[in-house]
């Protein structure tokens, strides 16, 4: 069922590159038009788009932001993308690579290094918690993991459907491929689902997993997600806001 994916894709085309539409919220420093100004130092993405994003409730609460990373910045990130993340050494054994593992290769530089730095920005964390109506717990921390390719070991399939672990409060994915992963199918695109057992649910939401697009959701036991079997490049940066307490009480309103 591709029509929901088409809605997101059309949304991305109509509203790029400047902003998505909805009511504005003040999360940082507000300009004359009520929109959030870009905090000093953040260059990898457009933080003001979070305040403007609609919260979708189907199949669970999430936001989708097309071109959160602008095309010109994504081109720089692509040019500096670590070769190690596209290598068999990482991709054959794991889907998500810890930030420290990639940094240890000495392969992180330029615009890609700046993306990682900006992913840890307190302003990004504050904006996302405010968007979901949650307080930032004192003991929370940011965990960044990185993705490169599914060439050496295919990603997805029915066994990929899951909800995140209980210590994760908000999960964020920003996709870094410049071109669609598969022009003829949903393969490679993140799927937001109503059930663990319904990868092919006709009411699933298909997230275009490329083009600097962002998807973020508040973690709950019903926040099922996965993807169809896919082999190929699938670049992304994942940010999880976590807490040492696996029974965190931060339930979205």
Protein backbone atom coordinates (compact mmCIF):
# COMPACT_ATOMS: atom_id res chain seq x y z
CA UNK A 1 0.00 0.00 0.00
CA UNK A 2 1.91 2.98 -1.30
CA UNK A 3 -0.52 5.90 -0.98
CA UNK A 4 0.56 6.87 2.54
CA UNK A 5 4.15 6.94 1.38
CA UNK A 6 3.05 9.13 -1.50
CA UNK A 7 1.52 11.61 0.96
CA UNK A 8 4.87 11.98 2.74
CA UNK A 9 6.78 12.13 -0.52
CA UNK A 10 4.50 14.84 -1.93
CA UNK A 11 4.76 16.72 1.36
CA UNK A 12 8.53 16.66 1.00
CA UNK A 13 8.39 17.99 -2.53
CA UNK A 14 5.81 20.74 -1.93
CA UNK A 15 7.43 22.17 1.17
CA UNK A 16 11.12 21.87 0.48
CA UNK A 17 13.48 23.30 1.17
CA UNK A 18 12.45 25.94 3.67
CA UNK A 19 9.78 24.71 6.02
CA UNK A 20 6.95 22.31 6.68
CA UNK A 21 3.59 23.78 7.65
CA UNK A 22 1.80 23.94 10.97
CA UNK A 23 1.42 26.31 13.88
CA UNK A 24 4.66 27.70 15.22
CA UNK A 25 5.92 27.01 18.73
CA UNK A 26 8.67 28.84 20.51
CA UNK A 27 11.43 26.48 21.60
CA UNK A 28 14.54 28.58 21.48
CA UNK A 29 15.03 32.13 20.29
CA UNK A 30 12.04 33.55 18.42
CA UNK A 31 12.27 35.83 15.41
CA UNK A 32 9.88 38.54 14.22
CA UNK A 33 7.60 36.04 12.48
CA UNK A 34 7.27 33.71 15.46
CA UNK A 35 9.52 31.06 13.95
CA UNK A 36 12.46 29.54 15.77
CA UNK A 37 15.81 30.91 14.71
CA UNK A 38 18.74 28.61 14.06
CA UNK A 39 20.88 28.40 17.22
CA UNK A 40 24.45 29.54 16.77
CA UNK A 41 26.78 26.72 15.86
CA UNK A 42 24.26 24.27 14.35
CA UNK A 43 24.84 23.98 10.61
CA UNK A 44 23.97 20.38 9.70
CA UNK A 45 20.18 20.75 9.86
CA UNK A 46 17.31 23.21 10.21
CA UNK A 47 16.20 23.10 13.84
CA UNK A 48 13.23 25.41 13.29
CA UNK A 49 11.45 22.70 11.29
CA UNK A 50 10.78 20.72 14.49
CA UNK A 51 8.53 23.42 15.93
CA UNK A 52 6.64 23.57 12.65
CA UNK A 53 6.16 19.83 12.21
CA UNK A 54 2.78 18.16 12.64
CA UNK A 55 2.52 15.31 15.14
CA UNK A 56 0.87 12.37 13.43
CA UNK A 57 -1.01 9.90 15.64
CA UNK A 58 -1.21 7.01 13.18
CA UNK A 59 -0.09 4.35 13.87
CA UNK A 60 1.61 6.01 16.85
CA UNK A 61 2.79 9.51 17.69
CA UNK A 62 5.60 10.63 15.40
CA UNK A 63 6.86 13.54 13.35
CA UNK A 64 8.22 13.47 9.82
CA UNK A 65 10.33 16.36 8.51
CA UNK A 66 11.40 16.39 4.86
CA UNK A 67 14.88 17.71 4.17
CA UNK A 68 15.72 18.33 7.79
CA UNK A 69 19.22 18.36 6.38
CA UNK A 70 19.18 20.82 3.43
CA UNK A 71 20.34 19.42 0.06
CA UNK A 72 23.51 21.53 -0.04
CA UNK A 73 24.53 20.31 3.42
CA UNK A 74 23.63 16.71 2.57
CA UNK A 75 25.96 16.92 -0.44
CA UNK A 76 28.81 17.92 1.87
CA UNK A 77 28.00 15.10 4.28
CA UNK A 78 27.98 12.65 1.38
CA UNK A 79 31.40 13.84 0.24
CA UNK A 80 32.78 13.29 3.77
CA UNK A 81 30.89 10.05 4.52
CA UNK A 82 33.20 7.58 6.33
CA UNK A 83 34.33 4.76 4.06
CA UNK A 84 34.42 2.46 7.08
CA UNK A 85 30.63 2.63 7.39
CA UNK A 86 30.31 1.22 3.87
CA UNK A 87 32.80 -1.56 4.62
CA UNK A 88 32.18 -5.22 5.31
CA UNK A 89 34.02 -4.89 8.63
CA UNK A 90 31.06 -3.05 10.15
CA UNK A 91 28.13 -3.90 7.90
CA UNK A 92 28.51 -7.67 7.95
CA UNK A 93 28.09 -7.87 11.71
CA UNK A 94 25.75 -5.05 12.79
CA UNK A 95 23.09 -2.66 11.58
CA UNK A 96 23.89 0.18 13.97
CA UNK A 97 27.49 1.13 14.63
CA UNK A 98 28.32 2.97 17.83
CA UNK A 99 29.69 6.46 17.36
CA UNK A 100 32.90 5.64 19.23
CA UNK A 101 33.65 2.73 16.90
CA UNK A 102 33.52 4.92 13.80
CA UNK A 103 35.50 7.71 15.47
CA UNK A 104 38.20 5.17 16.34
CA UNK A 105 38.81 4.52 12.63
CA UNK A 106 40.02 8.08 12.12
CA UNK A 107 37.65 8.21 9.18
CA UNK A 108 35.33 10.94 10.50
CA UNK A 109 35.94 14.41 9.10
CA UNK A 110 34.44 17.61 7.76
CA UNK A 111 30.68 17.89 7.33
CA UNK A 112 30.07 14.37 8.63
CA UNK A 113 31.96 15.14 11.84
CA UNK A 114 29.89 18.32 12.20
CA UNK A 115 26.69 16.30 11.78
CA UNK A 116 27.68 14.11 14.73
CA UNK A 117 28.51 17.18 16.81
CA UNK A 118 25.19 18.81 16.00
CA UNK A 119 23.33 15.58 16.79
CA UNK A 120 24.46 16.02 20.40
CA UNK A 121 23.28 19.65 20.59
CA UNK A 122 21.17 20.42 23.69
CA UNK A 123 18.94 22.62 21.49
CA UNK A 124 17.97 19.60 19.38
CA UNK A 125 17.11 17.58 22.47
CA UNK A 126 15.08 20.45 23.96
CA UNK A 127 13.16 20.96 20.73
CA UNK A 128 12.17 17.32 20.43
CA UNK A 129 11.08 16.93 24.05
CA UNK A 130 9.03 20.09 23.77
CA UNK A 131 7.42 18.88 20.56
CA UNK A 132 6.28 15.66 22.25
CA UNK A 133 5.17 17.46 25.41
CA UNK A 134 7.64 15.73 27.71
CA UNK A 135 10.01 16.98 30.38
CA UNK A 136 13.70 16.20 29.96
CA UNK A 137 14.69 13.82 32.77
CA UNK A 138 17.77 14.86 34.73
CA UNK A 139 19.59 11.58 34.11
CA UNK A 140 18.88 11.36 30.40
CA UNK A 141 21.67 11.22 27.85
CA UNK A 142 22.10 11.15 24.08
CA UNK A 143 23.27 8.03 22.28
CA UNK A 144 24.30 8.34 18.63
CA UNK A 145 24.63 5.35 16.33
CA UNK A 146 25.53 5.34 12.65
CA UNK A 147 24.49 3.34 9.59
CA UNK A 148 26.05 2.85 6.19
CA UNK A 149 25.05 -0.16 4.13
CA UNK A 150 22.99 -3.32 3.96
CA UNK A 151 25.06 -4.76 1.09
CA UNK A 152 26.99 -7.40 3.02
CA UNK A 153 24.04 -8.44 5.19
CA UNK A 154 20.48 -7.65 4.05
CA UNK A 155 18.45 -5.48 6.42
CA UNK A 156 14.78 -5.85 7.31
CA UNK A 157 12.25 -8.59 6.77
CA UNK A 158 9.46 -9.84 9.07
CA UNK A 159 11.93 -10.35 11.91
CA UNK A 160 12.89 -6.69 11.88
CA UNK A 161 9.61 -5.48 13.41
CA UNK A 162 10.15 -4.27 16.97
CA UNK A 163 9.60 -1.47 19.45
CA UNK A 164 12.60 0.15 21.08
CA UNK A 165 13.97 -0.83 24.46
CA UNK A 166 12.37 0.67 27.56
CA UNK A 167 15.32 2.91 28.41
CA UNK A 168 14.81 4.88 25.15
CA UNK A 169 12.51 7.88 25.50
CA UNK A 170 12.62 9.46 22.06
CA UNK A 171 14.10 7.85 18.95
CA UNK A 172 15.27 9.96 16.00
CA UNK A 173 16.44 8.87 12.55
CA UNK A 174 17.90 11.18 9.92
CA UNK A 175 18.47 9.59 6.54
CA UNK A 176 21.54 10.45 4.49
CA UNK A 177 21.19 8.88 1.05
CA UNK A 178 20.76 11.49 -1.68
CA UNK A 179 18.63 9.26 -3.90
CA UNK A 180 15.62 6.96 -3.17
CA UNK A 181 16.70 3.55 -1.93
CA UNK A 182 14.42 1.64 -4.31
CA UNK A 183 12.34 3.53 -6.86
CA UNK A 184 10.05 0.55 -7.46
CA UNK A 185 9.17 -0.64 -3.96
CA UNK A 186 9.11 0.17 -0.25
CA UNK A 187 12.32 -1.79 0.33
CA UNK A 188 14.69 0.12 2.60
CA UNK A 189 12.10 2.62 3.80
CA UNK A 190 11.22 2.63 7.48
CA UNK A 191 7.70 1.31 8.09
CA UNK A 192 5.60 2.48 11.06
CA UNK A 193 3.22 -0.32 11.99
CA UNK A 194 0.22 -1.14 14.17
CA UNK A 195 1.41 -4.62 15.14
CA UNK A 196 4.51 -6.76 15.43
CA UNK A 197 2.93 -9.32 13.12
CA UNK A 198 1.79 -7.03 10.30
CA UNK A 199 4.76 -5.90 8.23
CA UNK A 200 2.45 -5.70 5.19
CA UNK A 201 -0.30 -3.82 7.02
CA UNK A 202 -2.33 -1.83 4.47
CA UNK A 203 -2.46 1.08 6.94
CA UNK A 204 1.25 1.22 7.59
CA UNK A 205 3.13 4.50 7.21
CA UNK A 206 6.09 4.35 4.85
CA UNK A 207 8.81 6.88 5.65
CA UNK A 208 10.97 7.92 2.67
CA UNK A 209 14.36 7.01 4.15
CA UNK A 210 16.61 9.36 2.17
CA UNK A 211 17.06 13.03 1.23
CA UNK A 212 17.98 14.30 4.71
CA UNK A 213 14.51 13.38 5.98
CA UNK A 214 13.89 13.02 9.70
CA UNK A 215 11.46 10.81 11.57
CA UNK A 216 11.16 10.93 15.37
CA UNK A 217 8.81 9.17 17.75
CA UNK A 218 8.14 8.84 21.44
CA UNK A 219 8.92 5.29 22.50
CA UNK A 220 5.96 3.23 23.72
CA UNK A 221 5.18 -0.52 23.76
CA UNK A 222 3.04 -0.03 20.65
CA UNK A 223 5.57 1.95 18.59
CA UNK A 224 6.19 -0.96 16.20
CA UNK A 225 8.52 -0.35 13.26
CA UNK A 226 10.62 -2.29 10.78
CA UNK A 227 11.32 -2.56 7.08
CA UNK A 228 11.02 -4.94 4.18
CA UNK A 229 14.07 -6.98 3.19
CA UNK A 230 16.60 -4.67 1.61
CA UNK A 231 20.15 -4.92 0.29
CA UNK A 232 22.06 -1.79 -0.65
CA UNK A 233 23.25 1.54 0.69
CA UNK A 234 21.15 2.76 3.62
CA UNK A 235 22.89 5.64 5.34
CA UNK A 236 21.51 7.20 8.49
CA UNK A 237 22.33 8.73 11.83
CA UNK A 238 20.22 7.62 14.78
CA UNK A 239 19.84 9.62 17.96
CA UNK A 240 18.25 8.07 21.03
CA UNK A 241 17.49 10.02 24.18
CA UNK A 242 17.83 7.44 26.90
CA UNK A 243 17.63 7.10 30.65
CA UNK A 244 19.31 4.61 33.01
CA UNK A 245 15.84 3.85 34.37
CA UNK A 246 14.19 1.32 32.02
CA UNK A 247 10.76 2.11 33.47
CA UNK A 248 10.75 5.77 32.54
CA UNK A 249 7.38 7.43 33.25
CA UNK A 250 7.48 9.92 30.41
CA UNK A 251 4.25 9.07 28.66
CA UNK A 252 3.27 11.49 25.87
CA UNK A 253 -0.04 13.36 26.30
